[in-house]
Structures are given as structure tokens and as C-alpha cells.
Amino acid sequence: MKNYYEIRLSGAGGQGLALAGRVFSESSIKSNYNVCQTQSYGPEARGGSSRTDIIISRKEILFPNCRELDILLAMNQESADKFAGEVKEDGIILVDTTFVNQIPEGKVYEYPLTRKSIEEYGTPVAANIIAVGMIASLCRLFSLEIWIDSLLKTVPERFIKMNLKAFELGHKEGREILHVEEGRLPVAYDRKRPVPDCLKEKNGND
């Protein structure tokens, strides 16, 4: 692991980005990093734009804002379009192809996070933790024990079981991508499948 990371989790309000950020921050603290987490919302708490920024550093954090991203999660098209240009040349982007059809340039990992959450758990709300699991695996961030402890501490008790399964699923998918594509751009997942009907009105297909 590096000594310094800038991470942005972005999408629409209601996609659980604040919770995902807390899981990242808690895991970073448990791994003896200094952490700065900030959140930004659009005009509406649910459905508007949303992002959570996390800076983790072995040294004191002197500036609280992300300037060059090491990791970007984009869970809708607006976020991919707006923030992909802020990712470092050697940084990575994970996009939710449920809603992102125009894939940005760079080292991009494509996965239908929200669709997978619906297929596995009957709800879109676990997509954020599937994403956290994938990023943890793809970037080799922290140990599994630390991630699990952080989930147990930050996720509401009634959602613990689902979110542990979601993290495990994401971590497994990330490991499989690395196994197949180590050192190269990942396999592109099918981005042409239609958005599930239950999400069309809520997200406007972004």
C-alpha cells in the first residue's frame, strides 16, 4: 500500500455513499492511517448528486480537499463525466454500468453494481458495499479482518448480514478480475443490458 490516497465515491443521493465512506474511513483508522472525510450533496438529499471524499495518509493531512484522485467510484453517468478527469494517470475508476453507458478514459473497471445488488438481494441498497469490496480487492487495501470489523461497527445492525455478503461478493469479483487481467485493463462487462424497471423513475437513467 501507498502512504497517501485520495478517494472519491460519487453518484446520486440515496446510493449510500456516506456509509461507504465511513467504512473506508474506519478501515483506514484501524490500519493506522490519518483520515479526512468530507461529503457533498446536490439540491436534493435523495436523487440529487452526491459524493464522499476520503483522504488517507501516513502523515498529517494539511489540506482537506482532494486534488488528484487515486480511486474514483462513479455510480452514475454525471459522476463519471464530471470527475474522471481528476483521476491520476495511474489511478483507477470503478463505474456502475447499470447507469454509466459512456465509459471514461483511463484504467476503468466496469461492473453492474446496482443490477447485481437487485439480483442477489432484491434491493439496490447493497450496491455501495459491493463497490467497497471490489475496490478493497482491486487496490489491495487493508486486510479482510479490518474491513469486516469496520462493517460491523458502521453498518446498522439490521443490515449487517446483507452488507457482509455484499462486501464478500464484491471482494470476490475484484479478485477474479485481477486473476484474469493482472497488469492489463479489465474485461468489459456488458453495458447494453436495460436498466431494471424499478430503477428507471428513481434514477432517471442518469
Protein backbone atom coordinates (compact mmCIF):
# COMPACT_ATOMS: atom_id res chain seq x y z
CA MET A 1 0.00 0.00 0.00
CA LYS A 2 0.99 3.60 -0.61
CA ASN A 3 1.35 6.20 2.12
CA TYR A 4 -1.27 8.55 0.68
CA TYR A 5 -4.57 8.10 -1.16
CA GLU A 6 -7.29 10.42 -2.41
CA ILE A 7 -10.58 8.58 -2.90
CA ARG A 8 -13.92 9.86 -4.26
CA LEU A 9 -17.16 7.90 -4.03
CA SER A 10 -19.69 9.61 -6.26
CA GLY A 11 -23.18 9.11 -7.62
CA ALA A 12 -26.73 10.10 -6.72
CA GLY A 13 -28.23 10.81 -3.33
CA GLY A 14 -29.62 7.69 -1.73
CA GLN A 15 -26.90 5.36 -3.08
CA GLY A 16 -25.23 5.01 0.31
CA LEU A 17 -22.02 6.86 -0.46
CA ALA A 18 -21.76 8.39 3.01
CA LEU A 19 -21.96 4.93 4.60
CA ALA A 20 -19.39 3.58 2.17
CA GLY A 21 -17.14 6.49 3.10
CA ARG A 22 -17.49 5.71 6.79
CA VAL A 23 -16.49 2.10 6.15
CA PHE A 24 -13.41 3.33 4.25
CA SER A 25 -12.52 5.81 6.98
CA GLU A 26 -12.94 3.31 9.79
CA SER A 27 -10.80 0.75 7.96
CA SER A 28 -8.13 3.39 7.37
CA ILE A 29 -8.05 4.38 11.03
CA LYS A 30 -7.79 0.73 12.08
CA SER A 31 -4.82 0.46 9.68
CA ASN A 32 -3.05 3.39 11.39
CA TYR A 33 -3.71 6.00 8.72
CA ASN A 34 -4.76 9.58 9.34
CA VAL A 35 -8.12 10.24 7.70
CA CYS A 36 -10.10 13.21 6.41
CA GLN A 37 -13.63 12.58 5.12
CA THR A 38 -15.90 15.21 3.56
CA GLN A 39 -19.35 14.95 1.95
CA SER A 40 -21.12 16.99 -0.68
CA TYR A 41 -24.78 16.83 -1.71
CA GLY A 42 -26.77 18.31 -4.56
CA PRO A 43 -30.01 20.28 -4.09
CA GLU A 44 -31.87 17.12 -3.05
CA ALA A 45 -30.66 14.67 -0.44
CA ARG A 46 -32.14 11.75 -2.38
CA GLY A 47 -31.83 11.68 -6.15
CA GLY A 48 -29.54 14.70 -6.43
CA SER A 49 -25.80 14.47 -6.93
CA SER A 50 -23.74 13.20 -4.03
CA ARG A 51 -20.11 12.47 -3.27
CA THR A 52 -17.92 11.47 -0.38
CA ASP A 53 -14.20 12.27 -0.45
CA ILE A 54 -11.67 10.46 1.73
CA ILE A 55 -8.01 11.33 2.14
CA ILE A 56 -5.88 8.77 3.97
CA SER A 57 -2.25 9.43 4.83
CA ARG A 58 0.56 8.11 6.99
CA LYS A 59 1.49 11.74 7.66
CA GLU A 60 -0.54 14.65 8.93
CA ILE A 61 -3.19 15.81 6.44
CA LEU A 62 -2.62 19.52 5.85
CA PHE A 63 -5.17 20.13 3.06
CA PRO A 64 -8.65 18.59 3.39
CA ASN A 65 -9.73 18.59 -0.27
CA CYS A 66 -8.99 16.00 -2.95
CA ARG A 67 -6.98 17.37 -5.87
CA GLU A 68 -5.69 14.30 -7.74
CA LEU A 69 -7.72 11.14 -7.24
CA ASP A 70 -6.17 7.72 -6.80
CA ILE A 71 -9.55 6.00 -6.76
CA LEU A 72 -12.89 7.10 -8.21
CA LEU A 73 -16.18 5.26 -7.81
CA ALA A 74 -18.79 6.61 -10.26
CA MET A 75 -22.28 5.23 -9.73
CA ASN A 76 -24.00 7.38 -12.35
CA GLN A 77 -23.13 8.99 -15.67
CA GLU A 78 -22.93 12.51 -14.27
CA SER A 79 -20.24 11.49 -11.81
CA ALA A 80 -18.22 9.64 -14.45
CA ASP A 81 -18.35 12.65 -16.76
CA LYS A 82 -17.58 15.19 -14.06
CA PHE A 83 -14.80 13.54 -12.08
CA ALA A 84 -12.92 11.15 -14.38
CA GLY A 85 -10.60 13.97 -15.45
CA GLU A 86 -9.43 14.40 -11.84
CA VAL A 87 -8.04 10.86 -11.60
CA LYS A 88 -4.27 10.42 -11.69
CA GLU A 89 -2.73 8.71 -14.69
CA ASP A 90 -2.02 5.63 -12.57
CA GLY A 91 -5.33 5.87 -10.67
CA ILE A 92 -8.36 3.63 -11.16
CA ILE A 93 -12.04 4.21 -11.87
CA LEU A 94 -14.85 1.80 -10.96
CA VAL A 95 -18.12 2.55 -12.76
CA ASP A 96 -21.59 1.13 -12.15
CA THR A 97 -22.63 0.08 -15.65
CA THR A 98 -26.25 -0.11 -14.50
CA PHE A 99 -26.27 3.65 -15.09
CA VAL A 100 -22.94 4.51 -16.75
CA ASN A 101 -23.07 3.88 -20.51
CA GLN A 102 -20.39 6.29 -21.70
CA ILE A 103 -17.19 4.90 -20.19
CA PRO A 104 -14.48 7.47 -19.38
CA GLU A 105 -10.87 7.14 -20.42
CA GLY A 106 -8.25 5.68 -18.11
CA LYS A 107 -7.91 2.45 -16.20
CA VAL A 108 -11.59 1.71 -15.79
CA TYR A 109 -13.22 -1.27 -14.12
CA GLU A 110 -16.80 -1.81 -15.29
CA TYR A 111 -19.35 -3.68 -13.20
CA PRO A 112 -23.18 -3.52 -12.91
CA LEU A 113 -23.15 -2.82 -9.17
CA THR A 114 -26.79 -1.84 -8.73
CA ARG A 115 -28.16 -4.54 -11.02
CA LYS A 116 -26.10 -7.15 -9.16
CA SER A 117 -27.43 -5.91 -5.82
CA ILE A 118 -31.00 -6.30 -7.09
CA GLU A 119 -30.33 -9.75 -8.49
CA GLU A 120 -28.67 -11.02 -5.31
CA TYR A 121 -30.63 -9.24 -2.56
CA GLY A 122 -33.80 -7.92 -4.19
CA THR A 123 -32.81 -4.31 -3.47
CA PRO A 124 -30.35 -1.76 -4.91
CA VAL A 125 -29.11 -0.62 -1.49
CA ALA A 126 -26.17 -3.05 -1.27
CA ALA A 127 -24.50 -1.72 -4.42
CA ASN A 128 -22.34 0.66 -2.38
CA ILE A 129 -20.84 -2.14 -0.29
CA ILE A 130 -20.33 -4.38 -3.32
CA ALA A 131 -18.31 -1.46 -4.69
CA VAL A 132 -16.31 -1.13 -1.47
CA GLY A 133 -15.49 -4.83 -1.61
CA MET A 134 -14.33 -4.57 -5.21
CA ILE A 135 -12.14 -1.53 -4.52
CA ALA A 136 -10.65 -3.21 -1.45
CA SER A 137 -9.67 -6.18 -3.59
CA LEU A 138 -8.60 -4.35 -6.75
CA CYS A 139 -6.39 -1.92 -4.81
CA ARG A 140 -5.30 -4.40 -2.15
CA LEU A 141 -6.40 -2.04 0.60
CA PHE A 142 -6.24 -3.35 4.20
CA SER A 143 -6.90 -6.85 5.48
CA LEU A 144 -10.22 -8.66 5.30
CA GLU A 145 -10.40 -8.70 9.10
CA ILE A 146 -10.15 -4.91 9.24
CA TRP A 147 -12.85 -4.45 6.59
CA ILE A 148 -15.20 -6.84 8.37
CA ASP A 149 -14.62 -5.15 11.74
CA SER A 150 -15.34 -1.78 10.14
CA LEU A 151 -18.58 -3.04 8.59
CA LEU A 152 -19.70 -4.43 11.93
CA LYS A 153 -19.02 -1.05 13.55
CA THR A 154 -20.57 1.25 10.91
CA VAL A 155 -23.50 -0.62 9.31
CA PRO A 156 -26.87 -0.64 11.14
CA GLU A 157 -27.42 -3.98 12.82
CA ARG A 158 -30.46 -4.96 10.76
CA PHE A 159 -28.41 -4.65 7.55
CA ILE A 160 -25.23 -6.35 8.76
CA LYS A 161 -25.87 -9.77 7.24
CA MET A 162 -26.70 -8.41 3.79
CA ASN A 163 -23.77 -6.00 3.75
CA LEU A 164 -21.25 -8.63 4.83
CA LYS A 165 -22.46 -10.79 1.94
CA ALA A 166 -22.29 -7.80 -0.41
CA PHE A 167 -18.73 -6.99 0.62
CA GLU A 168 -17.71 -10.64 0.17
CA LEU A 169 -19.31 -10.69 -3.29
CA GLY A 170 -17.51 -7.50 -4.36
CA HIS A 171 -14.19 -8.68 -2.95
CA LYS A 172 -14.53 -11.98 -4.82
CA GLU A 173 -15.36 -10.23 -8.09
CA GLY A 174 -12.34 -7.96 -7.68
CA ARG A 175 -10.04 -10.92 -7.04
CA GLU A 176 -11.33 -12.67 -10.15
CA ILE A 177 -10.74 -9.58 -12.28
CA LEU A 178 -7.18 -9.32 -11.01
CA HIS A 179 -6.58 -13.01 -11.58
CA VAL A 180 -7.66 -12.73 -15.23
CA GLU A 181 -6.39 -9.25 -16.05
CA GLU A 182 -3.36 -8.67 -13.80
CA GLY A 183 -1.32 -5.86 -15.28
CA ARG A 184 -3.84 -5.06 -18.03
CA LEU A 185 -7.16 -3.28 -18.39
CA PRO A 186 -10.05 -5.41 -17.08
CA VAL A 187 -12.65 -7.27 -19.06
CA ALA A 188 -15.50 -5.00 -20.12
CA TYR A 189 -18.85 -6.15 -18.77
CA ASP A 190 -21.99 -5.90 -20.89
CA ARG A 191 -23.10 -2.28 -20.60
CA LYS A 192 -26.04 -2.56 -23.03
CA ARG A 193 -28.45 -4.50 -20.83
CA PRO A 194 -31.51 -2.41 -19.93
CA VAL A 195 -31.84 -0.70 -16.57
CA PRO A 196 -34.31 -2.58 -14.31
CA ASP A 197 -37.81 -1.06 -14.37
CA CYS A 198 -37.79 -0.47 -10.60
CA LEU A 199 -34.88 1.96 -11.02
CA LYS A 200 -35.86 3.91 -14.12
CA GLU A 201 -38.05 6.51 -12.42
CA LYS A 202 -35.92 6.86 -9.32
CA ASN A 203 -32.64 7.48 -11.12
CA GLY A 204 -33.85 8.84 -14.42
CA ASN A 205 -31.26 6.55 -16.04
CA ASP A 206 -28.85 9.43 -15.37
